[in-house]
Amino acid sequence: DRDLLLVMMHGFTAGATPEIGAQA
């Protein structure tokens, strides 16, 4: 599922955003 894959990748690379980084 490419959308799922890319959302995961985007989430990991947005790790500098505090709430997203904490979630990752």
mmCIF file of all heavy atoms, coordinates in Angstrom:
data_MODEL
# 
_entry.id   MODEL 
# 
loop_
_atom_site.group_PDB 
_atom_site.id 
_atom_site.type_symbol 
_atom_site.label_atom_id 
_atom_site.label_alt_id 
_atom_site.label_comp_id 
_atom_site.label_asym_id 
_atom_site.label_entity_id 
_atom_site.label_seq_id 
_atom_site.pdbx_PDB_ins_code 
_atom_site.Cartn_x 
_atom_site.Cartn_y 
_atom_site.Cartn_z 
_atom_site.occupancy 
_atom_site.B_iso_or_equiv 
_atom_site.pdbx_formal_charge 
_atom_site.auth_seq_id 
_atom_site.auth_comp_id 
_atom_site.auth_asym_id 
_atom_site.auth_atom_id 
_atom_site.pdbx_PDB_model_num 
ATOM 1   N N   . ASP A 1 1  ? 0.871  -1.175 0.000  1.00 0.00 ? 1  ASP A N   1 
ATOM 2   C CA  . ASP A 1 1  ? 0.000  0.000  0.000  1.00 0.00 ? 1  ASP A CA  1 
ATOM 3   C C   . ASP A 1 1  ? 0.909  1.227  0.000  1.00 0.00 ? 1  ASP A C   1 
ATOM 4   O O   . ASP A 1 1  ? 1.446  1.627  1.027  1.00 0.00 ? 1  ASP A O   1 
ATOM 5   C CB  . ASP A 1 1  ? -0.900 -0.019 1.234  1.00 0.00 ? 1  ASP A CB  1 
ATOM 6   C CG  . ASP A 1 1  ? -1.819 1.187  1.329  1.00 0.00 ? 1  ASP A CG  1 
ATOM 7   O OD1 . ASP A 1 1  ? -1.541 2.226  0.688  1.00 0.00 ? 1  ASP A OD1 1 
ATOM 8   O OD2 . ASP A 1 1  ? -2.812 1.095  2.068  1.00 0.00 ? 1  ASP A OD2 1 
ATOM 9   N N   . ARG A 1 2  ? 1.101  1.814  -1.164 1.00 0.00 ? 2  ARG A N   1 
ATOM 10  C CA  . ARG A 1 2  ? 2.058  2.911  -1.330 1.00 0.00 ? 2  ARG A CA  1 
ATOM 11  C C   . ARG A 1 2  ? 1.720  4.111  -0.456 1.00 0.00 ? 2  ARG A C   1 
ATOM 12  O O   . ARG A 1 2  ? 2.615  4.762  0.083  1.00 0.00 ? 2  ARG A O   1 
ATOM 13  C CB  . ARG A 1 2  ? 2.139  3.320  -2.801 1.00 0.00 ? 2  ARG A CB  1 
ATOM 14  C CG  . ARG A 1 2  ? 3.248  4.309  -3.055 1.00 0.00 ? 2  ARG A CG  1 
ATOM 15  C CD  . ARG A 1 2  ? 3.654  4.338  -4.514 1.00 0.00 ? 2  ARG A CD  1 
ATOM 16  N NE  . ARG A 1 2  ? 4.712  5.288  -4.717 1.00 0.00 ? 2  ARG A NE  1 
ATOM 17  C CZ  . ARG A 1 2  ? 5.997  5.070  -4.419 1.00 0.00 ? 2  ARG A CZ  1 
ATOM 18  N NH1 . ARG A 1 2  ? 6.368  3.927  -3.913 1.00 0.00 ? 2  ARG A NH1 1 
ATOM 19  N NH2 . ARG A 1 2  ? 6.902  6.002  -4.614 1.00 0.00 ? 2  ARG A NH2 1 
ATOM 20  N N   . ASP A 1 3  ? 0.437  4.427  -0.308 1.00 0.00 ? 3  ASP A N   1 
ATOM 21  C CA  . ASP A 1 3  ? 0.065  5.559  0.537  1.00 0.00 ? 3  ASP A CA  1 
ATOM 22  C C   . ASP A 1 3  ? 0.478  5.314  1.983  1.00 0.00 ? 3  ASP A C   1 
ATOM 23  O O   . ASP A 1 3  ? 1.044  6.195  2.635  1.00 0.00 ? 3  ASP A O   1 
ATOM 24  C CB  . ASP A 1 3  ? -1.439 5.846  0.453  1.00 0.00 ? 3  ASP A CB  1 
ATOM 25  C CG  . ASP A 1 3  ? -1.854 6.421  -0.889 1.00 0.00 ? 3  ASP A CG  1 
ATOM 26  O OD1 . ASP A 1 3  ? -0.984 6.906  -1.651 1.00 0.00 ? 3  ASP A OD1 1 
ATOM 27  O OD2 . ASP A 1 3  ? -3.062 6.399  -1.190 1.00 0.00 ? 3  ASP A OD2 1 
ATOM 28  N N   . LEU A 1 4  ? 0.215  4.124  2.487  1.00 0.00 ? 4  LEU A N   1 
ATOM 29  C CA  . LEU A 1 4  ? 0.620  3.784  3.852  1.00 0.00 ? 4  LEU A CA  1 
ATOM 30  C C   . LEU A 1 4  ? 2.137  3.885  4.001  1.00 0.00 ? 4  LEU A C   1 
ATOM 31  O O   . LEU A 1 4  ? 2.642  4.489  4.942  1.00 0.00 ? 4  LEU A O   1 
ATOM 32  C CB  . LEU A 1 4  ? 0.127  2.380  4.203  1.00 0.00 ? 4  LEU A CB  1 
ATOM 33  C CG  . LEU A 1 4  ? 0.422  1.907  5.619  1.00 0.00 ? 4  LEU A CG  1 
ATOM 34  C CD1 . LEU A 1 4  ? -0.744 1.084  6.145  1.00 0.00 ? 4  LEU A CD1 1 
ATOM 35  C CD2 . LEU A 1 4  ? 1.692  1.093  5.692  1.00 0.00 ? 4  LEU A CD2 1 
ATOM 36  N N   . LEU A 1 5  ? 2.847  3.315  3.051  1.00 0.00 ? 5  LEU A N   1 
ATOM 37  C CA  . LEU A 1 5  ? 4.310  3.354  3.070  1.00 0.00 ? 5  LEU A CA  1 
ATOM 38  C C   . LEU A 1 5  ? 4.817  4.790  3.108  1.00 0.00 ? 5  LEU A C   1 
ATOM 39  O O   . LEU A 1 5  ? 5.653  5.144  3.946  1.00 0.00 ? 5  LEU A O   1 
ATOM 40  C CB  . LEU A 1 5  ? 4.873  2.639  1.841  1.00 0.00 ? 5  LEU A CB  1 
ATOM 41  C CG  . LEU A 1 5  ? 6.367  2.865  1.575  1.00 0.00 ? 5  LEU A CG  1 
ATOM 42  C CD1 . LEU A 1 5  ? 7.218  2.147  2.599  1.00 0.00 ? 5  LEU A CD1 1 
ATOM 43  C CD2 . LEU A 1 5  ? 6.724  2.449  0.170  1.00 0.00 ? 5  LEU A CD2 1 
ATOM 44  N N   . LEU A 1 6  ? 4.313  5.627  2.216  1.00 0.00 ? 6  LEU A N   1 
ATOM 45  C CA  . LEU A 1 6  ? 4.818  6.996  2.130  1.00 0.00 ? 6  LEU A CA  1 
ATOM 46  C C   . LEU A 1 6  ? 4.437  7.820  3.354  1.00 0.00 ? 6  LEU A C   1 
ATOM 47  O O   . LEU A 1 6  ? 5.229  8.655  3.802  1.00 0.00 ? 6  LEU A O   1 
ATOM 48  C CB  . LEU A 1 6  ? 4.345  7.658  0.841  1.00 0.00 ? 6  LEU A CB  1 
ATOM 49  C CG  . LEU A 1 6  ? 4.960  7.071  -0.432 1.00 0.00 ? 6  LEU A CG  1 
ATOM 50  C CD1 . LEU A 1 6  ? 4.357  7.708  -1.673 1.00 0.00 ? 6  LEU A CD1 1 
ATOM 51  C CD2 . LEU A 1 6  ? 6.475  7.207  -0.437 1.00 0.00 ? 6  LEU A CD2 1 
ATOM 52  N N   . VAL A 1 7  ? 3.250  7.598  3.912  1.00 0.00 ? 7  VAL A N   1 
ATOM 53  C CA  . VAL A 1 7  ? 2.893  8.313  5.138  1.00 0.00 ? 7  VAL A CA  1 
ATOM 54  C C   . VAL A 1 7  ? 3.857  7.932  6.258  1.00 0.00 ? 7  VAL A C   1 
ATOM 55  O O   . VAL A 1 7  ? 4.307  8.793  7.019  1.00 0.00 ? 7  VAL A O   1 
ATOM 56  C CB  . VAL A 1 7  ? 1.422  8.060  5.529  1.00 0.00 ? 7  VAL A CB  1 
ATOM 57  C CG1 . VAL A 1 7  ? 1.154  8.429  6.983  1.00 0.00 ? 7  VAL A CG1 1 
ATOM 58  C CG2 . VAL A 1 7  ? 0.498  8.858  4.610  1.00 0.00 ? 7  VAL A CG2 1 
ATOM 59  N N   . MET A 1 8  ? 4.192  6.646  6.359  1.00 0.00 ? 8  MET A N   1 
ATOM 60  C CA  . MET A 1 8  ? 5.179  6.243  7.368  1.00 0.00 ? 8  MET A CA  1 
ATOM 61  C C   . MET A 1 8  ? 6.503  6.953  7.141  1.00 0.00 ? 8  MET A C   1 
ATOM 62  O O   . MET A 1 8  ? 7.097  7.488  8.081  1.00 0.00 ? 8  MET A O   1 
ATOM 63  C CB  . MET A 1 8  ? 5.404  4.728  7.344  1.00 0.00 ? 8  MET A CB  1 
ATOM 64  C CG  . MET A 1 8  ? 4.414  3.943  8.129  1.00 0.00 ? 8  MET A CG  1 
ATOM 65  S SD  . MET A 1 8  ? 4.958  2.253  8.495  1.00 0.00 ? 8  MET A SD  1 
ATOM 66  C CE  . MET A 1 8  ? 5.737  1.689  7.016  1.00 0.00 ? 8  MET A CE  1 
ATOM 67  N N   . MET A 1 9  ? 6.968  6.959  5.914  1.00 0.00 ? 9  MET A N   1 
ATOM 68  C CA  . MET A 1 9  ? 8.250  7.592  5.609  1.00 0.00 ? 9  MET A CA  1 
ATOM 69  C C   . MET A 1 9  ? 8.199  9.086  5.913  1.00 0.00 ? 9  MET A C   1 
ATOM 70  O O   . MET A 1 9  ? 9.129  9.629  6.510  1.00 0.00 ? 9  MET A O   1 
ATOM 71  C CB  . MET A 1 9  ? 8.626  7.350  4.142  1.00 0.00 ? 9  MET A CB  1 
ATOM 72  C CG  . MET A 1 9  ? 8.837  5.878  3.799  1.00 0.00 ? 9  MET A CG  1 
ATOM 73  S SD  . MET A 1 9  ? 10.219 5.129  4.666  1.00 0.00 ? 9  MET A SD  1 
ATOM 74  C CE  . MET A 1 9  ? 11.576 5.872  3.785  1.00 0.00 ? 9  MET A CE  1 
ATOM 75  N N   . HIS A 1 10 ? 7.128  9.749  5.511  1.00 0.00 ? 10 HIS A N   1 
ATOM 76  C CA  . HIS A 1 10 ? 6.986  11.181 5.803  1.00 0.00 ? 10 HIS A CA  1 
ATOM 77  C C   . HIS A 1 10 ? 6.935  11.422 7.314  1.00 0.00 ? 10 HIS A C   1 
ATOM 78  O O   . HIS A 1 10 ? 7.500  12.400 7.811  1.00 0.00 ? 10 HIS A O   1 
ATOM 79  C CB  . HIS A 1 10 ? 5.735  11.760 5.139  1.00 0.00 ? 10 HIS A CB  1 
ATOM 80  C CG  . HIS A 1 10 ? 5.829  11.892 3.651  1.00 0.00 ? 10 HIS A CG  1 
ATOM 81  N ND1 . HIS A 1 10 ? 6.822  12.603 3.012  1.00 0.00 ? 10 HIS A ND1 1 
ATOM 82  C CD2 . HIS A 1 10 ? 5.026  11.410 2.662  1.00 0.00 ? 10 HIS A CD2 1 
ATOM 83  C CE1 . HIS A 1 10 ? 6.633  12.549 1.703  1.00 0.00 ? 10 HIS A CE1 1 
ATOM 84  N NE2 . HIS A 1 10 ? 5.560  11.834 1.465  1.00 0.00 ? 10 HIS A NE2 1 
ATOM 85  N N   . GLY A 1 11 ? 6.263  10.542 8.022  1.00 0.00 ? 11 GLY A N   1 
ATOM 86  C CA  . GLY A 1 11 ? 6.192  10.690 9.474  1.00 0.00 ? 11 GLY A CA  1 
ATOM 87  C C   . GLY A 1 11 ? 7.541  10.563 10.139 1.00 0.00 ? 11 GLY A C   1 
ATOM 88  O O   . GLY A 1 11 ? 7.894  11.347 11.023 1.00 0.00 ? 11 GLY A O   1 
ATOM 89  N N   . PHE A 1 12 ? 8.330  9.593  9.700  1.00 0.00 ? 12 PHE A N   1 
ATOM 90  C CA  . PHE A 1 12 ? 9.664  9.432  10.279 1.00 0.00 ? 12 PHE A CA  1 
ATOM 91  C C   . PHE A 1 12 ? 10.558 10.624 9.949  1.00 0.00 ? 12 PHE A C   1 
ATOM 92  O O   . PHE A 1 12 ? 11.364 11.047 10.773 1.00 0.00 ? 12 PHE A O   1 
ATOM 93  C CB  . PHE A 1 12 ? 10.315 8.132  9.818  1.00 0.00 ? 12 PHE A CB  1 
ATOM 94  C CG  . PHE A 1 12 ? 9.655  6.900  10.376 1.00 0.00 ? 12 PHE A CG  1 
ATOM 95  C CD1 . PHE A 1 12 ? 9.428  5.800  9.566  1.00 0.00 ? 12 PHE A CD1 1 
ATOM 96  C CD2 . PHE A 1 12 ? 9.257  6.827  11.697 1.00 0.00 ? 12 PHE A CD2 1 
ATOM 97  C CE1 . PHE A 1 12 ? 8.828  4.648  10.067 1.00 0.00 ? 12 PHE A CE1 1 
ATOM 98  C CE2 . PHE A 1 12 ? 8.647  5.682  12.214 1.00 0.00 ? 12 PHE A CE2 1 
ATOM 99  C CZ  . PHE A 1 12 ? 8.433  4.603  11.390 1.00 0.00 ? 12 PHE A CZ  1 
ATOM 100 N N   . THR A 1 13 ? 10.412 11.179 8.744  1.00 0.00 ? 13 THR A N   1 
ATOM 101 C CA  . THR A 1 13 ? 11.261 12.313 8.382  1.00 0.00 ? 13 THR A CA  1 
ATOM 102 C C   . THR A 1 13 ? 10.772 13.625 8.980  1.00 0.00 ? 13 THR A C   1 
ATOM 103 O O   . THR A 1 13 ? 11.519 14.602 8.990  1.00 0.00 ? 13 THR A O   1 
ATOM 104 C CB  . THR A 1 13 ? 11.394 12.469 6.850  1.00 0.00 ? 13 THR A CB  1 
ATOM 105 O OG1 . THR A 1 13 ? 10.107 12.722 6.278  1.00 0.00 ? 13 THR A OG1 1 
ATOM 106 C CG2 . THR A 1 13 ? 12.021 11.235 6.235  1.00 0.00 ? 13 THR A CG2 1 
ATOM 107 N N   . ALA A 1 14 ? 9.554  13.655 9.493  1.00 0.00 ? 14 ALA A N   1 
ATOM 108 C CA  . ALA A 1 14 ? 9.040  14.854 10.169 1.00 0.00 ? 14 ALA A CA  1 
ATOM 109 C C   . ALA A 1 14 ? 9.330  14.799 11.664 1.00 0.00 ? 14 ALA A C   1 
ATOM 110 O O   . ALA A 1 14 ? 8.700  15.493 12.454 1.00 0.00 ? 14 ALA A O   1 
ATOM 111 C CB  . ALA A 1 14 ? 7.536  14.995 9.914  1.00 0.00 ? 14 ALA A CB  1 
ATOM 112 N N   . GLY A 1 15 ? 10.293 13.997 12.042 1.00 0.00 ? 15 GLY A N   1 
ATOM 113 C CA  . GLY A 1 15 ? 10.624 13.788 13.446 1.00 0.00 ? 15 GLY A CA  1 
ATOM 114 C C   . GLY A 1 15 ? 11.055 15.028 14.201 1.00 0.00 ? 15 GLY A C   1 
ATOM 115 O O   . GLY A 1 15 ? 11.011 15.056 15.427 1.00 0.00 ? 15 GLY A O   1 
ATOM 116 N N   . ALA A 1 16 ? 11.459 16.083 13.489 1.00 0.00 ? 16 ALA A N   1 
ATOM 117 C CA  . ALA A 1 16 ? 11.848 17.320 14.170 1.00 0.00 ? 16 ALA A CA  1 
ATOM 118 C C   . ALA A 1 16 ? 10.627 18.104 14.660 1.00 0.00 ? 16 ALA A C   1 
ATOM 119 O O   . ALA A 1 16 ? 10.762 18.975 15.511 1.00 0.00 ? 16 ALA A O   1 
ATOM 120 C CB  . ALA A 1 16 ? 12.686 18.197 13.249 1.00 0.00 ? 16 ALA A CB  1 
ATOM 121 N N   . THR A 1 17 ? 9.454  17.788 14.127 1.00 0.00 ? 17 THR A N   1 
ATOM 122 C CA  . THR A 1 17 ? 8.228  18.390 14.639 1.00 0.00 ? 17 THR A CA  1 
ATOM 123 C C   . THR A 1 17 ? 7.922  17.657 15.937 1.00 0.00 ? 17 THR A C   1 
ATOM 124 O O   . THR A 1 17 ? 7.711  16.437 15.923 1.00 0.00 ? 17 THR A O   1 
ATOM 125 C CB  . THR A 1 17 ? 7.071  18.229 13.628 1.00 0.00 ? 17 THR A CB  1 
ATOM 126 O OG1 . THR A 1 17 ? 7.466  18.831 12.396 1.00 0.00 ? 17 THR A OG1 1 
ATOM 127 C CG2 . THR A 1 17 ? 5.786  18.850 14.142 1.00 0.00 ? 17 THR A CG2 1 
ATOM 128 N N   . PRO A 1 18 ? 7.938  18.354 17.078 1.00 0.00 ? 18 PRO A N   1 
ATOM 129 C CA  . PRO A 1 18 ? 7.912  17.664 18.379 1.00 0.00 ? 18 PRO A CA  1 
ATOM 130 C C   . PRO A 1 18 ? 6.835  16.587 18.529 1.00 0.00 ? 18 PRO A C   1 
ATOM 131 O O   . PRO A 1 18 ? 7.147  15.459 18.925 1.00 0.00 ? 18 PRO A O   1 
ATOM 132 C CB  . PRO A 1 18 ? 7.715  18.803 19.378 1.00 0.00 ? 18 PRO A CB  1 
ATOM 133 C CG  . PRO A 1 18 ? 8.330  19.983 18.703 1.00 0.00 ? 18 PRO A CG  1 
ATOM 134 C CD  . PRO A 1 18 ? 8.018  19.810 17.235 1.00 0.00 ? 18 PRO A CD  1 
ATOM 135 N N   . GLU A 1 19 ? 5.585  16.896 18.226 1.00 0.00 ? 19 GLU A N   1 
ATOM 136 C CA  . GLU A 1 19 ? 4.536  15.906 18.455 1.00 0.00 ? 19 GLU A CA  1 
ATOM 137 C C   . GLU A 1 19 ? 4.621  14.729 17.486 1.00 0.00 ? 19 GLU A C   1 
ATOM 138 O O   . GLU A 1 19 ? 4.292  13.606 17.837 1.00 0.00 ? 19 GLU A O   1 
ATOM 139 C CB  . GLU A 1 19 ? 3.149  16.550 18.424 1.00 0.00 ? 19 GLU A CB  1 
ATOM 140 C CG  . GLU A 1 19 ? 2.774  17.241 17.128 1.00 0.00 ? 19 GLU A CG  1 
ATOM 141 C CD  . GLU A 1 19 ? 3.135  18.721 17.067 1.00 0.00 ? 19 GLU A CD  1 
ATOM 142 O OE1 . GLU A 1 19 ? 4.169  19.137 17.636 1.00 0.00 ? 19 GLU A OE1 1 
ATOM 143 O OE2 . GLU A 1 19 ? 2.377  19.462 16.436 1.00 0.00 ? 19 GLU A OE2 1 
ATOM 144 N N   . ILE A 1 20 ? 5.105  14.965 16.276 1.00 0.00 ? 20 ILE A N   1 
ATOM 145 C CA  . ILE A 1 20 ? 5.252  13.873 15.311 1.00 0.00 ? 20 ILE A CA  1 
ATOM 146 C C   . ILE A 1 20 ? 6.484  13.043 15.661 1.00 0.00 ? 20 ILE A C   1 
ATOM 147 O O   . ILE A 1 20 ? 6.447  11.806 15.601 1.00 0.00 ? 20 ILE A O   1 
ATOM 148 C CB  . ILE A 1 20 ? 5.316  14.418 13.873 1.00 0.00 ? 20 ILE A CB  1 
ATOM 149 C CG1 . ILE A 1 20 ? 3.982  15.103 13.523 1.00 0.00 ? 20 ILE A CG1 1 
ATOM 150 C CG2 . ILE A 1 20 ? 5.621  13.296 12.880 1.00 0.00 ? 20 ILE A CG2 1 
ATOM 151 C CD1 . ILE A 1 20 ? 4.001  15.872 12.232 1.00 0.00 ? 20 ILE A CD1 1 
ATOM 152 N N   . GLY A 1 21 ? 7.557  13.698 16.044 1.00 0.00 ? 21 GLY A N   1 
ATOM 153 C CA  . GLY A 1 21 ? 8.759  12.972 16.452 1.00 0.00 ? 21 GLY A CA  1 
ATOM 154 C C   . GLY A 1 21 ? 8.501  12.066 17.640 1.00 0.00 ? 21 GLY A C   1 
ATOM 155 O O   . GLY A 1 21 ? 8.937  10.910 17.663 1.00 0.00 ? 21 GLY A O   1 
ATOM 156 N N   . ALA A 1 22 ? 7.766  12.582 18.620 1.00 0.00 ? 22 ALA A N   1 
ATOM 157 C CA  . ALA A 1 22 ? 7.436  11.768 19.801 1.00 0.00 ? 22 ALA A CA  1 
ATOM 158 C C   . ALA A 1 22 ? 6.608  10.552 19.392 1.00 0.00 ? 22 ALA A C   1 
ATOM 159 O O   . ALA A 1 22 ? 6.824  9.444  19.882 1.00 0.00 ? 22 ALA A O   1 
ATOM 160 C CB  . ALA A 1 22 ? 6.693  12.610 20.831 1.00 0.00 ? 22 ALA A CB  1 
ATOM 161 N N   . GLN A 1 23 ? 5.669  10.766 18.479 1.00 0.00 ? 23 GLN A N   1 
ATOM 162 C CA  . GLN A 1 23 ? 4.826  9.670  18.005 1.00 0.00 ? 23 GLN A CA  1 
ATOM 163 C C   . GLN A 1 23 ? 5.667  8.632  17.256 1.00 0.00 ? 23 GLN A C   1 
ATOM 164 O O   . GLN A 1 23 ? 5.493  7.422  17.450 1.00 0.00 ? 23 GLN A O   1 
ATOM 165 C CB  . GLN A 1 23 ? 3.728  10.225 17.100 1.00 0.00 ? 23 GLN A CB  1 
ATOM 166 C CG  . GLN A 1 23 ? 2.772  9.198  16.556 1.00 0.00 ? 23 GLN A CG  1 
ATOM 167 C CD  . GLN A 1 23 ? 1.724  9.818  15.645 1.00 0.00 ? 23 GLN A CD  1 
ATOM 168 O OE1 . GLN A 1 23 ? 1.837  10.969 15.221 1.00 0.00 ? 23 GLN A OE1 1 
ATOM 169 N NE2 . GLN A 1 23 ? 0.695  9.056  15.358 1.00 0.00 ? 23 GLN A NE2 1 
ATOM 170 N N   . ALA A 1 24 ? 6.570  9.088  16.403 1.00 0.00 ? 24 ALA A N   1 
ATOM 171 C CA  . ALA A 1 24 ? 7.421  8.173  15.637 1.00 0.00 ? 24 ALA A CA  1 
ATOM 172 C C   . ALA A 1 24 ? 8.307  7.347  16.566 1.00 0.00 ? 24 ALA A C   1 
ATOM 173 O O   . ALA A 1 24 ? 8.438  6.129  16.401 1.00 0.00 ? 24 ALA A O   1 
ATOM 174 C CB  . ALA A 1 24 ? 8.267  8.955  14.638 1.00 0.00 ? 24 ALA A CB  1 
# 
